Amino acid sequence: MSGYDAVVIGAGHNALVTAASLAREGWRVLVLERREVVGGAAASDELFPGCRVNLAAQDAGLFRREIVSDLGLDARGLEWVHPPAVATSLTGGGEALTLWRDPRRSRAEIARHSTADAERFPAWADYLRSMARVLRIALEQPPPILHGVSARERLRMLRPLLRAARLGKRTVVELLRVIPFSARDLLDDWFASDVLKGMLATSALPGARHGPSAMGGAFRMLYHATGTEAHGFRSSIFVKGGIGVLSEALAKAARRHGAEVLTGAQVESIRVEDGMATGVLLAGGEEIAARVVISGVDPRRTFFGLVGAPRLGPEFNRKVTNIRLGGTTAALHLLLDGLPPLPDAAERLSGHTLVAPDLEYLERAGDDAKYGRCSARPHLDMVVPTLHNPALAPPGRHLASIQIRYAPYRLRSGSWEDGATRDALLAGALDVLDEFLPGLRERIVDHRLLTPLDLEADFGLTGGDEYHGQMGLDQLLFMRPVPGWGRYRTPVERLFLCGSGTHPGGGVTGRPGRLAAREILRGGRRGAPLGERDQP
């Protein structure tokens, strides 16, 4: 195999978006995936007999509808599920607070805890919507270049600024004001109810190692509302048939436009000659030549594992080494013989089901991870996909997939290879479930636990980090993945990145893949050097 315009390493959802976008423009594209299924963390597999389980990612609420339209995914059978509940926060003793897609039901539900908060909640939903609308403009553009800006580049940067200005000066100023806030500070400004604040603060936790008091949590709350309508919580919809159906639809779109997608093909290294990427070497010894190489895996694995530090120079290597990259999430999958005895369980458990009774609970869970311990009382985020996709499991069975926070990749004592450590994490999660959702434990038929080490081994997520790097304020925009290389280019000419470790960040969004493809196509059309650096 030779003569490809582009070889894409990995078949995660962003890599597939890049591949399909380039192939649609007539590029000859080859995608190489070491696993036997596409999707990376956004994949589904048969963990239990007769069951299709979402392995790591659950929710597609952040996935950009422009990509769906551009690649014709809806026309090819992709279906979205909007369950009646957005999220349910378990308060203990079989009680719960549910936010519904129907705002009137949400307001009535909140009023049981605080009439004042119920009256403010519609204004909060509008606030979240307006902040997300402005932030979305920044997320849908390549990060700005700070030095050596050409006239053409200044014009490109001006357009999103004008779009933001049309949304109102006060809104833009307010967004800039609150971005550094912690989730606690933002929510304390709005609400009094502990259970409501704990519930809403969970949107600040993915992509971070710390609890709701950490700086920048407000940004992550807004970031997770930049997809579909957030209903005052975060953008959330599901894919009929499981999240893997989305990844499979992207692979089909890439193939439809002429791309080749090969699974079971592990890339051993990226071939570099005279500072330029010329192709890849497979584990079996086969070399594949390409005009451009695009990596969908995380930056550290790309540069240190596939390119090699000696080719990159000490300054750049130091920056890559300093990327804050390390997961704090484990995934627990349960096969159940029925739903727990929660009133209106089929409706209330149809969205995200949370153990986050208040901000202090989340803070203590984060404190454990801060010091290299698994949380003794973890925050849990559970999805029961069989409530809207019964075919995912045999008749009479339900699947429950739970993200456990916090379970740090780096432990101060013990090891994820140690069975006792895994058992302790499992026991702690089940004890919390038993406390907040009595009766669920008795329904468990089988289980499978994926630790951060498993996420690294199974999906190639360095440090078990599903975001390819923490979503802190110092690792965003032109600083993602590292300062000076924020536009998908790398020090190796004709080598690009397209994964979650690039702007605008993690989650099942497709944005990094789409923006990377646009930047590569711009360089190819102009004839400019495809490996050109962003800043001097």
Protein backbone atom coordinates (compact mmCIF):
# COMPACT_ATOMS: atom_id res chain seq x y z
CA MET A 1 0.00 0.00 0.00
CA SER A 2 1.52 3.31 -1.00
CA GLY A 3 0.76 6.68 -2.51
CA TYR A 4 -1.82 7.84 0.02
CA ASP A 5 -2.47 11.53 0.46
CA ALA A 6 -3.04 10.95 4.18
CA VAL A 7 -2.59 8.15 6.68
CA VAL A 8 -4.67 8.61 9.85
CA ILE A 9 -3.49 6.82 12.99
CA GLY A 10 -6.36 5.54 15.12
CA ALA A 11 -10.08 5.26 14.40
CA GLY A 12 -11.47 7.26 17.29
CA HIS A 13 -14.42 9.47 16.43
CA ASN A 14 -12.25 12.56 15.80
CA ALA A 15 -9.87 10.65 13.55
CA LEU A 16 -12.84 9.32 11.57
CA VAL A 17 -14.26 12.83 11.19
CA THR A 18 -10.89 14.01 9.82
CA ALA A 19 -10.62 11.03 7.47
CA ALA A 20 -14.15 11.43 6.12
CA SER A 21 -13.71 15.20 5.68
CA LEU A 22 -10.49 14.78 3.70
CA ALA A 23 -11.86 11.91 1.62
CA ARG A 24 -14.90 14.00 0.74
CA GLU A 25 -12.51 16.52 -0.82
CA GLY A 26 -10.94 13.85 -3.00
CA TRP A 27 -7.94 12.90 -0.84
CA ARG A 28 -6.87 9.28 -0.83
CA VAL A 29 -7.04 8.40 2.86
CA LEU A 30 -6.09 5.34 4.88
CA VAL A 31 -7.18 4.92 8.53
CA LEU A 32 -5.25 2.44 10.69
CA GLU A 33 -6.80 1.17 13.94
CA ARG A 34 -5.01 -1.33 16.19
CA ARG A 35 -8.27 -2.64 17.73
CA GLU A 36 -10.76 -4.79 15.84
CA VAL A 37 -13.55 -2.21 16.19
CA VAL A 38 -13.63 1.50 15.36
CA GLY A 39 -14.46 4.31 17.77
CA GLY A 40 -11.74 4.15 20.40
CA ALA A 41 -13.36 5.12 23.70
CA ALA A 42 -16.59 5.85 21.77
CA ALA A 43 -17.09 2.19 20.91
CA SER A 44 -19.57 -0.53 21.87
CA ASP A 45 -18.76 -4.19 22.40
CA GLU A 46 -20.22 -7.43 23.76
CA LEU A 47 -18.94 -7.44 27.34
CA PHE A 48 -21.76 -9.77 28.42
CA PRO A 49 -23.34 -12.47 26.22
CA GLY A 50 -25.99 -10.98 23.97
CA CYS A 51 -25.34 -7.42 25.21
CA ARG A 52 -23.98 -4.37 23.39
CA VAL A 53 -22.21 -2.21 25.96
CA ASN A 54 -20.92 1.36 25.60
CA LEU A 55 -17.37 0.78 26.76
CA ALA A 56 -16.28 4.23 27.95
CA ALA A 57 -18.19 7.12 26.35
CA GLN A 58 -21.96 7.21 26.88
CA ASP A 59 -23.35 10.52 25.71
CA ALA A 60 -23.32 12.24 22.30
CA GLY A 61 -24.88 15.54 23.36
CA LEU A 62 -21.73 17.50 22.43
CA PHE A 63 -21.40 16.01 18.95
CA ARG A 64 -21.67 18.78 16.36
CA ARG A 65 -24.75 18.66 14.16
CA GLU A 66 -22.81 20.34 11.34
CA ILE A 67 -20.72 17.18 11.06
CA VAL A 68 -23.86 15.04 10.94
CA SER A 69 -25.19 17.21 8.12
CA ASP A 70 -21.92 17.51 6.19
CA LEU A 71 -21.29 13.76 6.21
CA GLY A 72 -24.94 12.74 5.75
CA LEU A 73 -25.03 10.60 8.89
CA ASP A 74 -28.77 11.00 9.57
CA ALA A 75 -29.57 9.87 6.05
CA ARG A 76 -27.66 6.65 6.71
CA GLY A 77 -29.79 5.54 9.64
CA LEU A 78 -28.19 7.30 12.61
CA GLU A 79 -30.94 7.95 15.16
CA TRP A 80 -30.84 10.13 18.28
CA VAL A 81 -32.59 9.42 21.56
CA HIS A 82 -33.92 12.24 23.76
CA PRO A 83 -35.22 10.56 26.95
CA PRO A 84 -37.68 12.47 29.17
CA ALA A 85 -35.16 12.89 32.00
CA VAL A 86 -31.95 14.85 31.49
CA ALA A 87 -30.51 13.87 34.86
CA THR A 88 -31.58 12.50 38.22
CA SER A 89 -29.63 13.20 41.40
CA LEU A 90 -30.09 10.56 44.10
CA THR A 91 -30.53 12.11 47.52
CA GLY A 92 -30.64 8.90 49.58
CA GLY A 93 -33.38 6.75 51.01
CA GLY A 94 -34.91 6.18 47.59
CA GLU A 95 -35.50 9.91 47.03
CA ALA A 96 -34.32 11.85 44.00
CA LEU A 97 -34.32 15.21 42.21
CA THR A 98 -34.90 15.01 38.46
CA LEU A 99 -34.32 17.62 35.78
CA TRP A 100 -36.62 16.98 32.84
CA ARG A 101 -36.57 18.08 29.23
CA ASP A 102 -39.96 19.65 30.01
CA PRO A 103 -38.99 22.86 31.89
CA ARG A 104 -42.31 22.95 33.76
CA ARG A 105 -41.65 19.53 35.26
CA SER A 106 -38.14 20.59 36.26
CA ARG A 107 -39.42 23.70 37.98
CA ALA A 108 -42.04 21.71 39.92
CA GLU A 109 -39.39 19.16 40.92
CA ILE A 110 -36.96 21.80 42.17
CA ALA A 111 -39.72 23.51 44.14
CA ARG A 112 -39.90 20.46 46.43
CA HIS A 113 -36.43 21.46 47.64
CA SER A 114 -36.48 25.25 47.24
CA THR A 115 -39.22 27.48 45.84
CA ALA A 116 -36.70 30.30 45.36
CA ASP A 117 -34.41 28.06 43.29
CA ALA A 118 -37.37 26.86 41.26
CA GLU A 119 -38.18 30.45 40.37
CA ARG A 120 -34.58 31.16 39.38
CA PHE A 121 -34.01 28.00 37.39
CA PRO A 122 -35.56 29.20 34.08
CA ALA A 123 -33.26 32.25 34.22
CA TRP A 124 -30.31 29.94 34.89
CA ALA A 125 -31.20 27.80 31.86
CA ASP A 126 -31.34 30.96 29.71
CA TYR A 127 -28.01 32.13 31.17
CA LEU A 128 -26.33 28.80 30.45
CA ARG A 129 -27.73 28.86 26.92
CA SER A 130 -26.46 32.39 26.20
CA MET A 131 -22.99 31.73 27.67
CA ALA A 132 -22.69 28.50 25.69
CA ARG A 133 -23.73 30.28 22.51
CA VAL A 134 -20.82 32.73 22.80
CA LEU A 135 -18.33 30.07 23.89
CA ARG A 136 -19.35 27.89 20.96
CA ILE A 137 -18.01 30.54 18.57
CA ALA A 138 -14.52 30.15 20.04
CA LEU A 139 -14.76 26.37 20.05
CA GLU A 140 -15.70 26.18 16.38
CA GLN A 141 -12.69 28.22 15.20
CA PRO A 142 -9.01 27.31 15.16
CA PRO A 143 -7.22 28.83 18.17
CA PRO A 144 -5.78 32.31 17.56
CA ILE A 145 -2.20 32.95 16.50
CA LEU A 146 -0.56 35.50 18.80
CA HIS A 147 2.53 36.47 16.80
CA GLY A 148 3.36 37.11 13.16
CA VAL A 149 -0.29 37.39 12.14
CA SER A 150 -0.79 37.93 8.41
CA ALA A 151 -3.49 40.18 6.94
CA ARG A 152 -5.46 37.13 5.86
CA GLU A 153 -5.19 35.63 9.35
CA ARG A 154 -6.37 38.89 10.96
CA LEU A 155 -9.44 38.76 8.73
CA ARG A 156 -10.12 35.18 9.80
CA MET A 157 -9.82 36.13 13.46
CA LEU A 158 -12.11 39.12 13.01
CA ARG A 159 -15.06 37.10 11.77
CA PRO A 160 -15.73 35.15 14.99
CA LEU A 161 -15.25 38.34 17.02
CA LEU A 162 -17.96 40.03 14.98
CA ARG A 163 -20.23 37.01 15.46
CA ALA A 164 -19.70 37.18 19.22
CA ALA A 165 -20.31 40.94 19.27
CA ARG A 166 -23.69 40.42 17.62
CA LEU A 167 -24.75 38.30 20.60
CA GLY A 168 -24.33 41.29 22.89
CA LYS A 169 -21.46 43.03 24.60
CA ARG A 170 -22.78 42.23 28.07
CA THR A 171 -22.97 38.53 27.30
CA VAL A 172 -19.37 38.45 26.05
CA VAL A 173 -18.12 40.40 29.07
CA GLU A 174 -20.03 38.11 31.42
CA LEU A 175 -18.50 35.04 29.79
CA LEU A 176 -14.99 36.45 30.25
CA ARG A 177 -15.83 37.26 33.87
CA VAL A 178 -17.02 33.81 34.89
CA ILE A 179 -14.65 31.54 32.94
CA PRO A 180 -12.04 31.47 35.76
CA PHE A 181 -14.69 30.85 38.44
CA SER A 182 -14.96 27.57 40.27
CA ALA A 183 -18.20 25.66 39.87
CA ARG A 184 -18.91 26.36 43.53
CA ASP A 185 -18.55 30.12 43.13
CA LEU A 186 -20.79 30.21 40.08
CA LEU A 187 -23.52 28.06 41.61
CA ASP A 188 -23.43 29.84 44.98
CA ASP A 189 -24.29 33.01 43.06
CA TRP A 190 -27.44 31.39 41.72
CA PHE A 191 -28.88 28.80 44.09
CA ALA A 192 -29.39 27.84 47.73
CA SER A 193 -30.35 24.16 47.46
CA ASP A 194 -27.45 21.83 48.25
CA VAL A 195 -28.81 18.98 46.15
CA LEU A 196 -29.35 21.20 43.10
CA LYS A 197 -25.87 22.72 43.35
CA GLY A 198 -24.28 19.29 43.75
CA MET A 199 -26.16 18.01 40.73
CA LEU A 200 -25.20 20.92 38.45
CA ALA A 201 -21.57 20.93 39.59
CA THR A 202 -21.02 17.44 38.17
CA SER A 203 -20.70 19.05 34.72
CA ALA A 204 -17.42 20.62 35.90
CA LEU A 205 -15.82 17.29 36.83
CA PRO A 206 -15.13 15.51 33.49
CA GLY A 207 -11.73 16.52 32.17
CA ALA A 208 -10.42 17.60 35.59
CA ARG A 209 -8.71 16.04 38.58
CA HIS A 210 -10.23 18.27 41.23
CA GLY A 211 -13.55 18.95 42.89
CA PRO A 212 -16.05 21.80 42.43
CA SER A 213 -13.94 24.39 44.30
CA ALA A 214 -11.09 24.27 41.77
CA MET A 215 -10.53 27.25 39.52
CA GLY A 216 -11.87 26.86 35.97
CA GLY A 217 -14.82 24.64 36.87
CA ALA A 218 -17.25 27.23 35.51
CA PHE A 219 -15.57 26.97 32.11
CA ARG A 220 -16.06 23.20 32.04
CA MET A 221 -19.72 23.61 33.01
CA LEU A 222 -20.20 25.96 30.06
CA TYR A 223 -18.12 23.76 27.76
CA HIS A 224 -20.37 20.78 28.47
CA ALA A 225 -23.41 22.87 27.54
CA THR A 226 -22.18 23.82 24.04
CA GLY A 227 -23.85 20.95 22.20
CA THR A 228 -27.56 20.22 22.11
CA GLU A 229 -29.98 22.08 24.39
CA ALA A 230 -28.64 21.69 27.95
CA HIS A 231 -31.95 22.19 29.83
CA GLY A 232 -30.01 23.87 32.63
CA PHE A 233 -27.70 20.87 33.11
CA ARG A 234 -25.41 19.84 30.25
CA SER A 235 -25.86 18.82 26.63
CA SER A 236 -27.09 15.25 26.62
CA ILE A 237 -28.55 12.90 24.02
CA PHE A 238 -27.93 9.26 23.23
CA VAL A 239 -27.49 7.20 20.08
CA LYS A 240 -29.96 4.45 19.29
CA GLY A 241 -28.04 1.20 19.35
CA GLY A 242 -25.19 2.58 21.46
CA ILE A 243 -22.39 5.12 21.05
CA GLY A 244 -20.53 2.68 18.80
CA VAL A 245 -23.21 3.21 16.14
CA LEU A 246 -22.02 6.83 15.81
CA SER A 247 -18.42 5.73 15.28
CA GLU A 248 -19.51 3.06 12.80
CA ALA A 249 -21.56 5.65 10.90
CA LEU A 250 -18.47 7.89 10.66
CA ALA A 251 -16.40 4.98 9.35
CA LYS A 252 -19.08 4.22 6.76
CA ALA A 253 -19.11 7.87 5.71
CA ALA A 254 -15.32 7.81 5.29
CA ARG A 255 -15.52 4.65 3.19
CA ARG A 256 -18.38 6.06 1.13
CA HIS A 257 -16.11 8.94 0.11
CA GLY A 258 -13.29 6.56 -0.80
CA ALA A 259 -11.26 6.24 2.39
CA GLU A 260 -9.94 2.86 3.53
CA VAL A 261 -10.46 1.94 7.21
CA LEU A 262 -8.38 -0.99 8.43
CA THR A 263 -8.79 -2.52 11.88
CA GLY A 264 -6.29 -4.81 13.55
CA ALA A 265 -3.50 -2.66 12.09
CA GLN A 266 -1.12 -1.33 14.75
CA VAL A 267 1.22 1.53 13.88
CA GLU A 268 4.67 0.92 15.32
CA SER A 269 6.20 4.28 14.41
CA ILE A 270 5.90 7.35 12.22
CA ARG A 271 8.55 7.49 9.53
CA VAL A 272 10.47 10.79 9.54
CA GLU A 273 13.06 11.85 6.95
CA ASP A 274 14.84 15.21 7.04
CA GLY A 275 12.32 16.53 9.57
CA MET A 276 9.30 15.51 7.47
CA ALA A 277 6.75 12.74 8.05
CA THR A 278 6.75 10.37 5.07
CA GLY A 279 4.51 7.56 6.27
CA VAL A 280 4.17 4.92 8.98
CA LEU A 281 5.66 1.56 9.93
CA LEU A 282 3.23 -1.16 11.03
CA ALA A 283 3.93 -3.65 13.79
CA GLY A 284 4.31 -6.40 11.21
CA GLY A 285 7.09 -4.51 9.45
CA GLU A 286 5.09 -3.08 6.55
CA GLU A 287 5.79 0.53 5.57
CA ILE A 288 3.06 2.76 4.20
CA ALA A 289 4.00 6.00 2.46
CA ALA A 290 1.82 9.11 2.60
CA ARG A 291 2.07 12.81 1.81
CA VAL A 292 0.58 13.64 5.23
CA VAL A 293 0.41 11.70 8.50
CA ILE A 294 -2.37 12.55 10.97
CA SER A 295 -2.46 11.18 14.52
CA GLY A 296 -5.70 10.75 16.39
CA VAL A 297 -3.99 9.40 19.50
CA ASP A 298 -2.95 11.63 22.40
CA PRO A 299 -0.01 14.04 21.99
CA ARG A 300 2.36 12.29 24.38
CA ARG A 301 1.86 8.90 22.78
CA THR A 302 2.23 10.46 19.34
CA PHE A 303 5.46 12.34 20.04
CA PHE A 304 7.24 10.03 22.46
CA GLY A 305 5.80 6.67 21.37
CA LEU A 306 5.50 7.03 17.58
CA VAL A 307 7.92 9.81 16.57
CA GLY A 308 10.60 9.56 19.28
CA ALA A 309 11.84 12.31 21.56
CA PRO A 310 15.30 12.59 19.88
CA ARG A 311 13.63 13.95 16.73
CA LEU A 312 11.84 16.78 18.52
CA GLY A 313 14.33 18.82 20.55
CA PRO A 314 14.59 19.49 24.29
CA GLU A 315 12.28 22.53 24.48
CA PHE A 316 9.39 20.80 22.75
CA ASN A 317 9.97 17.58 24.70
CA ARG A 318 9.79 19.53 27.96
CA LYS A 319 6.44 21.00 26.93
CA VAL A 320 5.03 17.59 26.03
CA THR A 321 6.31 16.10 29.28
CA ASN A 322 4.54 18.87 31.21
CA ILE A 323 1.12 18.21 29.68
CA ARG A 324 -1.14 17.44 32.64
CA LEU A 325 -2.37 14.09 31.47
CA GLY A 326 -3.78 11.46 33.78
CA GLY A 327 -7.23 9.96 34.15
CA THR A 328 -9.31 9.87 37.31
CA THR A 329 -12.28 7.89 35.99
CA ALA A 330 -13.09 4.20 36.07
CA ALA A 331 -16.01 2.54 34.27
CA LEU A 332 -18.23 -0.05 35.90
CA HIS A 333 -20.65 -1.98 33.68
CA LEU A 334 -23.48 -3.94 35.27
CA LEU A 335 -25.87 -6.53 33.86
CA LEU A 336 -29.13 -6.35 35.81
CA ASP A 337 -32.19 -8.59 35.99
CA GLY A 338 -34.45 -5.58 36.52
CA LEU A 339 -34.67 -1.95 37.60
CA PRO A 340 -34.27 -0.87 41.25
CA PRO A 341 -37.46 -0.05 43.18
CA LEU A 342 -37.24 3.72 42.61
CA PRO A 343 -40.61 5.44 42.02
CA ASP A 344 -41.07 6.06 38.28
CA ALA A 345 -37.72 4.35 37.69
CA ALA A 346 -38.21 3.90 33.94
CA GLU A 347 -38.58 7.67 33.50
CA ARG A 348 -36.26 8.98 36.19
CA LEU A 349 -33.35 6.71 35.26
CA SER A 350 -33.64 7.37 31.50
CA GLY A 351 -30.97 10.11 31.49
CA HIS A 352 -27.90 10.46 33.72
CA THR A 353 -28.34 9.18 37.28
CA LEU A 354 -25.95 10.85 39.70
CA VAL A 355 -24.62 10.36 43.20
CA ALA A 356 -23.76 13.97 44.01
CA PRO A 357 -25.87 14.97 47.02
CA ASP A 358 -24.05 18.28 47.62
CA LEU A 359 -20.86 20.20 46.85
CA GLU A 360 -19.08 18.95 49.97
CA TYR A 361 -19.60 15.34 48.94
CA LEU A 362 -17.97 16.06 45.57
CA GLU A 363 -15.16 18.02 47.22
CA ARG A 364 -14.28 15.17 49.54
CA ALA A 365 -14.32 12.71 46.64
CA GLY A 366 -11.90 14.97 44.76
CA ASP A 367 -9.67 15.38 47.80
CA ASP A 368 -9.05 11.64 47.91
CA ALA A 369 -7.86 11.62 44.30
CA LYS A 370 -5.71 14.70 44.89
CA TYR A 371 -3.62 12.63 47.29
CA GLY A 372 -3.45 9.53 45.11
CA ARG A 373 -6.30 7.60 46.69
CA CYS A 374 -9.48 6.17 45.22
CA SER A 375 -12.43 8.08 46.59
CA ALA A 376 -13.85 6.33 49.61
CA ARG A 377 -17.29 7.70 48.67
CA PRO A 378 -17.07 8.35 44.93
CA HIS A 379 -19.21 10.45 42.67
CA LEU A 380 -21.12 8.13 40.32
CA ASP A 381 -22.65 8.95 36.94
CA MET A 382 -24.86 6.11 35.72
CA VAL A 383 -26.62 5.59 32.38
CA VAL A 384 -29.15 2.78 31.77
CA PRO A 385 -29.20 2.61 27.95
CA THR A 386 -31.64 -0.30 27.80
CA LEU A 387 -34.43 2.02 28.97
CA HIS A 388 -34.45 3.56 25.49
CA ASN A 389 -32.65 0.73 23.64
CA PRO A 390 -34.11 -2.57 24.94
CA ALA A 391 -32.39 -4.51 22.15
CA LEU A 392 -28.99 -3.81 23.74
CA ALA A 393 -29.59 -6.70 26.19
CA PRO A 394 -31.60 -9.94 26.22
CA PRO A 395 -35.28 -9.77 27.27
CA GLY A 396 -35.69 -9.12 30.99
CA ARG A 397 -32.19 -7.69 31.36
CA HIS A 398 -30.91 -4.14 31.73
CA LEU A 399 -27.45 -2.62 31.33
CA ALA A 400 -26.10 0.06 33.66
CA SER A 401 -22.84 1.81 32.81
CA ILE A 402 -21.31 3.85 35.62
CA GLN A 403 -18.44 6.34 35.54
CA ILE A 404 -16.68 6.34 38.91
CA ARG A 405 -14.95 9.54 40.05
CA TYR A 406 -12.44 9.65 41.42
CA ALA A 407 -10.14 6.74 40.61
CA PRO A 408 -6.69 8.24 39.86
CA TYR A 409 -4.36 6.52 37.41
CA ARG A 410 -1.40 7.26 39.69
CA LEU A 411 -1.93 5.77 43.13
CA ARG A 412 0.13 6.72 46.17
CA SER A 413 0.00 3.14 47.42
CA GLY A 414 -1.08 -0.05 45.74
CA SER A 415 -1.43 -0.67 42.03
CA TRP A 416 -4.23 -1.17 39.49
CA GLU A 417 -2.56 -4.47 38.65
CA ASP A 418 -3.27 -5.53 42.23
CA GLY A 419 -6.59 -7.35 42.60
CA ALA A 420 -7.10 -5.91 46.08
CA THR A 421 -7.07 -2.34 44.73
CA ARG A 422 -9.64 -3.19 42.06
CA ASP A 423 -11.80 -5.00 44.60
CA ALA A 424 -11.71 -2.02 46.94
CA LEU A 425 -12.83 0.35 44.17
CA LEU A 426 -15.66 -1.99 43.18
CA ALA A 427 -16.79 -2.48 46.78
CA GLY A 428 -16.79 1.28 47.44
CA ALA A 429 -18.86 2.00 44.35
CA LEU A 430 -21.38 -0.73 45.14
CA ASP A 431 -21.68 0.44 48.77
CA VAL A 432 -22.50 3.96 47.60
CA LEU A 433 -25.04 2.61 45.10
CA ASP A 434 -26.63 0.53 47.84
CA GLU A 435 -26.94 3.63 50.00
CA PHE A 436 -28.36 5.97 47.38
CA LEU A 437 -30.26 3.49 45.21
CA PRO A 438 -31.41 0.69 47.54
CA GLY A 439 -32.24 -2.52 45.77
CA LEU A 440 -29.93 -2.14 42.79
CA ARG A 441 -27.21 -4.36 44.21
CA GLU A 442 -29.61 -7.31 44.42
CA ARG A 443 -30.35 -6.92 40.71
CA ILE A 444 -26.73 -7.42 39.57
CA VAL A 445 -26.24 -10.55 37.46
CA ASP A 446 -22.73 -9.77 36.19
CA HIS A 447 -20.25 -6.91 36.18
CA ARG A 448 -17.11 -5.64 34.47
CA LEU A 449 -14.79 -2.98 35.90
CA LEU A 450 -12.46 -0.92 33.70
CA THR A 451 -9.81 0.93 35.71
CA PRO A 452 -7.74 3.83 34.31
CA LEU A 453 -5.02 1.26 33.59
CA ASP A 454 -7.53 -0.77 31.56
CA LEU A 455 -8.54 2.35 29.63
CA GLU A 456 -4.87 2.90 28.79
CA ALA A 457 -4.28 -0.70 27.73
CA ASP A 458 -7.54 -1.21 25.86
CA PHE A 459 -7.95 2.17 24.13
CA GLY A 460 -4.43 3.62 24.10
CA LEU A 461 -5.41 6.46 26.44
CA THR A 462 -2.12 7.49 28.04
CA GLY A 463 -2.61 7.64 31.80
CA GLY A 464 -6.21 6.54 31.29
CA ASP A 465 -7.06 10.13 30.33
CA GLU A 466 -10.15 10.09 28.09
CA TYR A 467 -9.68 13.80 27.31
CA HIS A 468 -6.06 13.33 26.08
CA GLY A 469 -5.05 16.01 28.60
CA GLN A 470 -6.79 17.84 31.42
CA MET A 471 -9.22 20.63 30.51
CA GLY A 472 -7.64 23.28 32.72
CA LEU A 473 -7.42 26.95 31.77
CA ASP A 474 -3.69 26.53 31.09
CA GLN A 475 -4.37 23.76 28.54
CA LEU A 476 -6.92 25.43 26.27
CA LEU A 477 -7.00 27.35 22.97
CA PHE A 478 -3.47 28.06 21.64
CA MET A 479 -1.99 26.24 24.67
CA ARG A 480 -3.53 22.90 23.69
CA PRO A 481 -1.68 20.58 23.36
CA VAL A 482 1.31 22.85 24.09
CA PRO A 483 2.00 26.57 23.58
CA GLY A 484 3.13 27.39 20.08
CA TRP A 485 1.58 24.35 18.44
CA GLY A 486 -2.15 24.88 18.83
CA ARG A 487 -3.21 24.54 15.20
CA TYR A 488 -2.91 20.80 14.74
CA ARG A 489 0.63 21.16 13.30
CA THR A 490 3.74 19.70 14.92
CA PRO A 491 7.53 20.27 14.77
CA VAL A 492 7.63 17.41 12.27
CA GLU A 493 6.59 18.83 8.92
CA ARG A 494 3.49 17.16 7.43
CA LEU A 495 2.60 15.51 10.73
CA PHE A 496 -0.68 16.70 12.26
CA LEU A 497 -2.79 15.96 15.33
CA CYS A 498 -6.58 15.62 15.25
CA GLY A 499 -7.56 14.10 18.61
CA SER A 500 -9.04 15.39 21.86
CA GLY A 501 -5.62 16.60 22.98
CA THR A 502 -5.98 19.47 20.51
CA HIS A 503 -8.29 22.50 20.49
CA PRO A 504 -11.05 22.68 21.58
CA GLY A 505 -10.73 19.60 23.78
CA GLY A 506 -12.31 16.35 24.89
CA GLY A 507 -15.67 14.68 24.86
CA VAL A 508 -17.54 13.14 21.95
CA THR A 509 -17.70 16.37 19.93
CA GLY A 510 -15.98 15.76 16.59
CA ARG A 511 -14.73 19.35 16.74
CA PRO A 512 -10.97 18.65 16.86
CA GLY A 513 -11.30 16.28 13.92
CA ARG A 514 -13.32 18.75 11.87
CA LEU A 515 -11.03 21.71 12.58
CA ALA A 516 -7.89 19.67 11.89
CA ALA A 517 -9.27 18.63 8.51
CA ARG A 518 -10.06 22.25 7.66
CA GLU A 519 -6.55 23.40 8.55
CA ILE A 520 -4.93 20.59 6.55
CA LEU A 521 -7.10 21.37 3.54
CA ARG A 522 -6.28 25.08 3.76
CA GLY A 523 -2.57 24.33 3.67
CA GLY A 524 -2.98 21.86 0.83
CA ARG A 525 -4.99 24.27 -1.31
CA ARG A 526 -2.62 27.20 -0.79
CA GLY A 527 0.48 25.13 -1.29
CA ALA A 528 1.82 26.49 2.02
CA PRO A 529 4.14 24.26 4.06
CA LEU A 530 1.89 21.71 5.75
CA GLY A 531 4.09 21.62 8.85
CA GLU A 532 4.32 25.36 9.37
CA ARG A 533 4.58 26.44 13.01
CA ASP A 534 1.89 28.62 14.58
CA GLN A 535 4.20 31.09 16.32
CA PRO A 536 7.84 32.15 16.02
